């Protein structure tokens, strides 16, 4: 708890600034990671589709 209003304000300001800095650095990393994961998932989905298609052809 804060004893004085100024302490609360400076604490809040510090948290907002820290969050902004972290967010600014995390956004590009998360974007790259998401793109890489999406590429991996798409490759897996294509491979799975081929397996399922081949299996369906074999059952005909």
N, C-alpha and C. Protein backbone atom coordinates (compact mmCIF):
# COMPACT_ATOMS: atom_id res chain seq x y z
N UNK A 1 0.84 -1.18 0.00
CA UNK A 1 0.00 0.00 0.00
C UNK A 1 0.88 1.24 0.00
N UNK A 2 0.33 2.30 -0.54
CA UNK A 2 1.07 3.56 -0.60
C UNK A 2 0.63 4.47 0.54
N UNK A 3 1.60 5.10 1.17
CA UNK A 3 1.30 6.02 2.26
C UNK A 3 0.91 7.38 1.73
N UNK A 4 1.51 7.78 0.64
CA UNK A 4 1.24 9.10 0.08
C UNK A 4 0.80 8.95 -1.37
N UNK A 5 0.03 9.91 -1.82
CA UNK A 5 -0.47 9.88 -3.19
C UNK A 5 0.67 9.91 -4.20
N UNK A 6 1.72 10.65 -3.90
CA UNK A 6 2.85 10.75 -4.84
C UNK A 6 3.55 9.41 -4.99
N UNK A 7 3.64 8.64 -3.91
CA UNK A 7 4.25 7.31 -3.99
C UNK A 7 3.44 6.40 -4.91
N UNK A 8 2.12 6.47 -4.78
CA UNK A 8 1.25 5.66 -5.63
C UNK A 8 1.41 6.07 -7.09
N UNK A 9 1.44 7.36 -7.33
CA UNK A 9 1.56 7.86 -8.70
C UNK A 9 2.88 7.44 -9.32
N UNK A 10 3.98 7.57 -8.59
CA UNK A 10 5.28 7.21 -9.15
C UNK A 10 5.37 5.70 -9.37
N UNK A 11 4.74 4.93 -8.51
CA UNK A 11 4.72 3.47 -8.66
C UNK A 11 3.95 3.09 -9.91
N UNK A 12 2.79 3.70 -10.10
CA UNK A 12 1.96 3.43 -11.27
C UNK A 12 2.69 3.85 -12.53
N UNK A 13 3.32 4.99 -12.49
CA UNK A 13 4.06 5.49 -13.64
C UNK A 13 5.20 4.54 -14.00
N UNK A 14 5.91 4.05 -12.99
CA UNK A 14 7.01 3.12 -13.21
C UNK A 14 6.49 1.84 -13.87
N UNK A 15 5.38 1.32 -13.36
CA UNK A 15 4.81 0.09 -13.92
C UNK A 15 4.38 0.28 -15.37
N UNK A 16 3.76 1.42 -15.65
CA UNK A 16 3.32 1.69 -17.02
C UNK A 16 4.52 1.80 -17.96
N UNK A 17 5.56 2.48 -17.52
CA UNK A 17 6.76 2.64 -18.34
C UNK A 17 7.43 1.29 -18.58
N UNK A 18 7.55 0.50 -17.53
CA UNK A 18 8.16 -0.82 -17.65
C UNK A 18 7.35 -1.70 -18.58
N UNK A 19 6.03 -1.67 -18.44
CA UNK A 19 5.16 -2.47 -19.30
C UNK A 19 5.30 -2.04 -20.76
N UNK A 20 5.38 -0.74 -21.00
CA UNK A 20 5.53 -0.24 -22.36
C UNK A 20 6.83 -0.72 -22.98
N UNK A 21 7.92 -0.65 -22.22
CA UNK A 21 9.23 -1.09 -22.72
C UNK A 21 9.20 -2.59 -23.02
N UNK A 22 8.66 -3.38 -22.11
CA UNK A 22 8.58 -4.83 -22.33
C UNK A 22 7.71 -5.15 -23.54
N UNK A 23 6.59 -4.46 -23.65
CA UNK A 23 5.68 -4.70 -24.77
C UNK A 23 6.36 -4.35 -26.10
N UNK A 24 7.10 -3.27 -26.11
CA UNK A 24 7.78 -2.83 -27.33
C UNK A 24 8.80 -3.87 -27.79
N UNK A 25 9.47 -4.51 -26.84
CA UNK A 25 10.47 -5.52 -27.19
C UNK A 25 9.83 -6.87 -27.48
N UNK A 26 8.73 -7.18 -26.82
CA UNK A 26 8.10 -8.49 -26.99
C UNK A 26 7.31 -8.62 -28.29
N UNK A 27 6.70 -7.54 -28.75
CA UNK A 27 5.87 -7.62 -29.95
C UNK A 27 6.62 -8.18 -31.15
N UNK A 28 7.81 -7.67 -31.49
CA UNK A 28 8.52 -8.23 -32.66
C UNK A 28 8.90 -9.70 -32.46
N UNK A 29 9.31 -10.06 -31.25
CA UNK A 29 9.68 -11.45 -30.98
C UNK A 29 8.48 -12.37 -31.12
N UNK A 30 7.36 -11.95 -30.58
CA UNK A 30 6.14 -12.77 -30.67
C UNK A 30 5.67 -12.88 -32.11
N UNK A 31 5.81 -11.81 -32.86
CA UNK A 31 5.41 -11.84 -34.26
C UNK A 31 6.24 -12.84 -35.05
N UNK A 32 7.54 -12.82 -34.85
CA UNK A 32 8.43 -13.76 -35.54
C UNK A 32 8.12 -15.19 -35.11
N UNK A 33 7.94 -15.40 -33.82
CA UNK A 33 7.65 -16.74 -33.31
C UNK A 33 6.33 -17.25 -33.87
N UNK A 34 5.32 -16.40 -33.92
CA UNK A 34 4.01 -16.81 -34.45
C UNK A 34 4.11 -17.16 -35.93
N UNK A 35 4.87 -16.38 -36.68
CA UNK A 35 5.05 -16.66 -38.11
C UNK A 35 5.75 -17.99 -38.30
N UNK A 36 6.79 -18.24 -37.53
CA UNK A 36 7.51 -19.52 -37.64
C UNK A 36 6.61 -20.69 -37.27
N UNK A 37 5.84 -20.55 -36.20
CA UNK A 37 4.94 -21.63 -35.79
C UNK A 37 3.87 -21.86 -36.85
N UNK A 38 3.38 -20.78 -37.46
CA UNK A 38 2.36 -20.93 -38.49
C UNK A 38 2.92 -21.69 -39.68
N UNK A 39 4.15 -21.41 -40.07
CA UNK A 39 4.79 -22.13 -41.18
C UNK A 39 4.92 -23.61 -40.85
N UNK A 40 5.35 -23.92 -39.62
CA UNK A 40 5.47 -25.31 -39.19
C UNK A 40 4.12 -26.01 -39.21
N UNK A 41 3.10 -25.33 -38.70
CA UNK A 41 1.76 -25.92 -38.67
C UNK A 41 1.22 -26.15 -40.08
N UNK A 42 1.46 -25.21 -40.98
CA UNK A 42 1.00 -25.37 -42.36
C UNK A 42 1.68 -26.56 -43.01
N UNK A 43 2.97 -26.73 -42.78
CA UNK A 43 3.70 -27.88 -43.34
C UNK A 43 3.13 -29.18 -42.79
N UNK A 44 2.85 -29.21 -41.51
CA UNK A 44 2.27 -30.40 -40.88
C UNK A 44 0.88 -30.68 -41.44
N UNK A 45 0.08 -29.63 -41.62
CA UNK A 45 -1.28 -29.80 -42.15
C UNK A 45 -1.25 -30.35 -43.57
N UNK A 46 -0.33 -29.87 -44.39
CA UNK A 46 -0.20 -30.37 -45.76
C UNK A 46 0.20 -31.84 -45.75
N UNK A 47 1.17 -32.19 -44.93
CA UNK A 47 1.61 -33.58 -44.84
C UNK A 47 0.47 -34.48 -44.35
N UNK A 48 -0.27 -34.02 -43.36
CA UNK A 48 -1.39 -34.79 -42.83
C UNK A 48 -2.48 -34.96 -43.89
N UNK A 49 -2.72 -33.93 -44.66
CA UNK A 49 -3.72 -33.99 -45.72
C UNK A 49 -3.33 -35.03 -46.76
N UNK A 50 -2.04 -35.10 -47.10
CA UNK A 50 -1.57 -36.11 -48.06
C UNK A 50 -1.76 -37.52 -47.50
N UNK A 51 -1.44 -37.71 -46.24
CA UNK A 51 -1.62 -39.03 -45.61
C UNK A 51 -3.09 -39.42 -45.62
N UNK A 52 -3.95 -38.50 -45.24
CA UNK A 52 -5.39 -38.79 -45.21
C UNK A 52 -5.93 -39.06 -46.62
N UNK A 53 -5.46 -38.29 -47.57
CA UNK A 53 -5.89 -38.48 -48.96
C UNK A 53 -5.46 -39.85 -49.47
N UNK A 54 -4.21 -40.22 -49.20
CA UNK A 54 -3.71 -41.53 -49.63
C UNK A 54 -4.48 -42.66 -48.95
N UNK A 55 -4.80 -42.48 -47.67
CA UNK A 55 -5.56 -43.49 -46.94
C UNK A 55 -6.97 -43.62 -47.52
N UNK A 56 -7.58 -42.51 -47.86
CA UNK A 56 -8.93 -42.54 -48.44
C UNK A 56 -8.91 -43.23 -49.80
N UNK A 57 -7.90 -42.97 -50.60
CA UNK A 57 -7.77 -43.62 -51.91
C UNK A 57 -7.59 -45.13 -51.73
N UNK A 58 -6.83 -45.51 -50.72
CA UNK A 58 -6.61 -46.94 -50.45
C UNK A 58 -7.87 -47.66 -50.01
N UNK A 59 -8.82 -46.94 -49.42
CA UNK A 59 -10.05 -47.55 -48.94
C UNK A 59 -11.11 -47.66 -50.03
N UNK A 60 -10.90 -47.03 -51.15
CA UNK A 60 -11.91 -47.04 -52.23
C UNK A 60 -11.91 -48.34 -52.97
